[in-house]
C-alpha atoms as a PDB file:
ATOM      1  CA  MET A   1     224.033 103.288  36.921  1.00  0.00           C
ATOM      2  CA  PRO A   2     223.774 105.783  34.027  1.00  0.00           C
ATOM      3  CA  VAL A   3     225.646 104.890  30.886  1.00  0.00           C
ATOM      4  CA  GLY A   4     226.762 107.336  28.211  1.00  0.00           C
ATOM      5  CA  THR A   5     225.369 107.045  24.699  1.00  0.00           C
ATOM      6  CA  ASP A   6     228.911 106.746  23.296  1.00  0.00           C
ATOM      7  CA  ALA A   7     229.604 103.580  25.299  1.00  0.00           C
ATOM      8  CA  THR A   8     230.723 100.625  23.188  1.00  0.00           C
ATOM      9  CA  MET A   9     229.950  97.911  25.720  1.00  0.00           C
ATOM     10  CA  CYS A  10     227.206  97.344  28.318  1.00  0.00           C
ATOM     11  CA  PRO A  11     228.864  97.603  31.749  1.00  0.00           C
ATOM     12  CA  SER A  12     226.522  95.099  33.401  1.00  0.00           C
ATOM     13  CA  CYS A  13     226.336  92.256  30.847  1.00  0.00           C
ATOM     14  CA  GLY A  14     229.240  92.925  28.445  1.00  0.00           C
ATOM     15  CA  VAL A  15     227.238  93.052  25.180  1.00  0.00           C
ATOM     16  CA  GLU A  16     229.146  94.767  22.378  1.00  0.00           C
ATOM     17  CA  GLU A  17     227.790  97.420  19.995  1.00  0.00           C
ATOM     18  CA  PRO A  18     224.990  98.167  19.070  1.00  0.00           C
ATOM     19  CA  TRP A  19     223.348  97.486  22.403  1.00  0.00           C
ATOM     20  CA  ILE A  20     221.624 100.904  22.533  1.00  0.00           C
ATOM     21  CA  PRO A  21     219.390 101.274  19.439  1.00  0.00           C
ATOM     22  CA  ASP A  22     219.735 104.548  17.548  1.00  0.00           C
ATOM     23  CA  GLU A  23     216.149 104.601  16.305  1.00  0.00           C
ATOM     24  CA  PRO A  24     213.264 105.470  18.626  1.00  0.00           C
ATOM     25  CA  THR A  25     210.741 102.828  19.591  1.00  0.00           C
ATOM     26  CA  LEU A  26     207.838 104.800  18.099  1.00  0.00           C
ATOM     27  CA  THR A  27     208.144 106.625  14.804  1.00  0.00           C
ATOM     28  CA  PRO A  28     207.229 110.311  14.684  1.00  0.00           C
ATOM     29  CA  ARG A  29     204.250 109.466  12.450  1.00  0.00           C
ATOM     30  CA  ILE A  30     202.819 107.114  15.108  1.00  0.00           C
ATOM     31  CA  MET A  31     203.482 109.681  17.835  1.00  0.00           C
ATOM     32  CA  ARG A  32     201.580 112.358  15.870  1.00  0.00           C
ATOM     33  CA  LEU A  33     198.725 109.906  15.272  1.00  0.00           C
ATOM     34  CA  LEU A  34     198.527 109.070  18.995  1.00  0.00           C
ATOM     35  CA  VAL A  35     198.556 112.737  19.981  1.00  0.00           C
ATOM     36  CA  ALA A  36     195.870 113.644  17.435  1.00  0.00           C
ATOM     37  CA  GLY A  37     193.724 110.660  18.424  1.00  0.00           C
ATOM     38  CA  SER A  38     193.944 111.407  22.118  1.00  0.00           C
ATOM     39  CA  GLY A  39     193.132 115.065  21.400  1.00  0.00           C
ATOM     40  CA  LEU A  40     189.990 114.032  19.519  1.00  0.00           C
ATOM     41  CA  VAL A  41     188.960 111.708  22.350  1.00  0.00           C
ATOM     42  CA  LEU A  42     189.511 114.484  24.887  1.00  0.00           C
ATOM     43  CA  LEU A  43     187.499 116.935  22.771  1.00  0.00           C
ATOM     44  CA  GLY A  44     184.664 114.424  22.470  1.00  0.00           C
ATOM     45  CA  LEU A  45     184.619 113.854  26.225  1.00  0.00           C
ATOM     46  CA  LEU A  46     184.567 117.590  26.886  1.00  0.00           C
ATOM     47  CA  LEU A  47     181.655 118.093  24.474  1.00  0.00           C
ATOM     48  CA  PHE A  48     179.768 115.184  26.033  1.00  0.00           C
ATOM     49  CA  MET A  49     180.289 116.476  29.567  1.00  0.00           C
ATOM     50  CA  SER A  50     179.249 120.012  28.618  1.00  0.00           C
ATOM     51  CA  GLY A  51     176.062 118.571  27.087  1.00  0.00           C
ATOM     52  CA  VAL A  52     175.379 116.603  30.256  1.00  0.00           C
ATOM     53  CA  LEU A  53     175.878 119.710  32.374  1.00  0.00           C
ATOM     54  CA  MET A  54     173.764 121.936  30.119  1.00  0.00           C
ATOM     55  CA  PHE A  55     170.901 119.577  29.309  1.00  0.00           C
ATOM     56  CA  GLY A  56     170.930 117.176  32.259  1.00  0.00           C
ATOM     57  CA  SER A  57     168.229 117.223  34.892  1.00  0.00           C
ATOM     58  CA  PRO A  58     168.794 119.728  37.699  1.00  0.00           C
ATOM     59  CA  ASP A  59     169.421 118.557  41.241  1.00  0.00           C
ATOM     60  CA  GLY A  60     166.300 117.269  42.919  1.00  0.00           C
ATOM     61  CA  GLU A  61     164.257 117.098  39.708  1.00  0.00           C
ATOM     62  CA  HIS A  62     164.358 113.522  38.468  1.00  0.00           C
ATOM     63  CA  ASP A  63     160.699 112.835  37.763  1.00  0.00           C
ATOM     64  CA  HIS A  64     158.238 114.746  35.589  1.00  0.00           C
ATOM     65  CA  ARG A  65     155.087 112.907  36.590  1.00  0.00           C
ATOM     66  CA  PRO A  66     152.414 115.006  38.315  1.00  0.00           C
ATOM     67  CA  PRO A  67     152.510 114.841  42.101  1.00  0.00           C
ATOM     68  CA  GLU A  68     150.134 112.369  43.704  1.00  0.00           C
ATOM     69  CA  MET A  69     146.893 113.942  44.864  1.00  0.00           C
ATOM     70  CA  ASP A  70     145.442 113.228  48.284  1.00  0.00           C
ATOM     71  CA  SER A  71     142.661 110.662  48.133  1.00  0.00           C
ATOM     72  CA  LYS A  72     140.646 112.809  50.579  1.00  0.00           C
ATOM     73  CA  ALA A  73     140.661 115.827  48.313  1.00  0.00           C
ATOM     74  CA  ARG A  74     138.865 114.096  45.407  1.00  0.00           C
ATOM     75  CA  PRO A  75     136.634 111.113  45.540  1.00  0.00           C
ATOM     76  CA  SER A  76     137.864 108.130  43.580  1.00  0.00           C
ATOM     77  CA  ARG A  77     135.875 107.090  40.555  1.00  0.00           C
END
């Protein structure tokens, strides 16, 4: 059941004022810090993923060793 902010008493338990705090749980400074921190983390992840996509190995190419030669083509030493 919604309760107005100008209510002086909690309708369910009967607690008198101030049962709704006037101050927010997080201060604006902490909110700005969280937003900036999450933005930096997101930017870092985007840069990392772009590096993986640009410099990662292409599909099907996972090994740079020379292909094995047939033993019939060259005699073994």
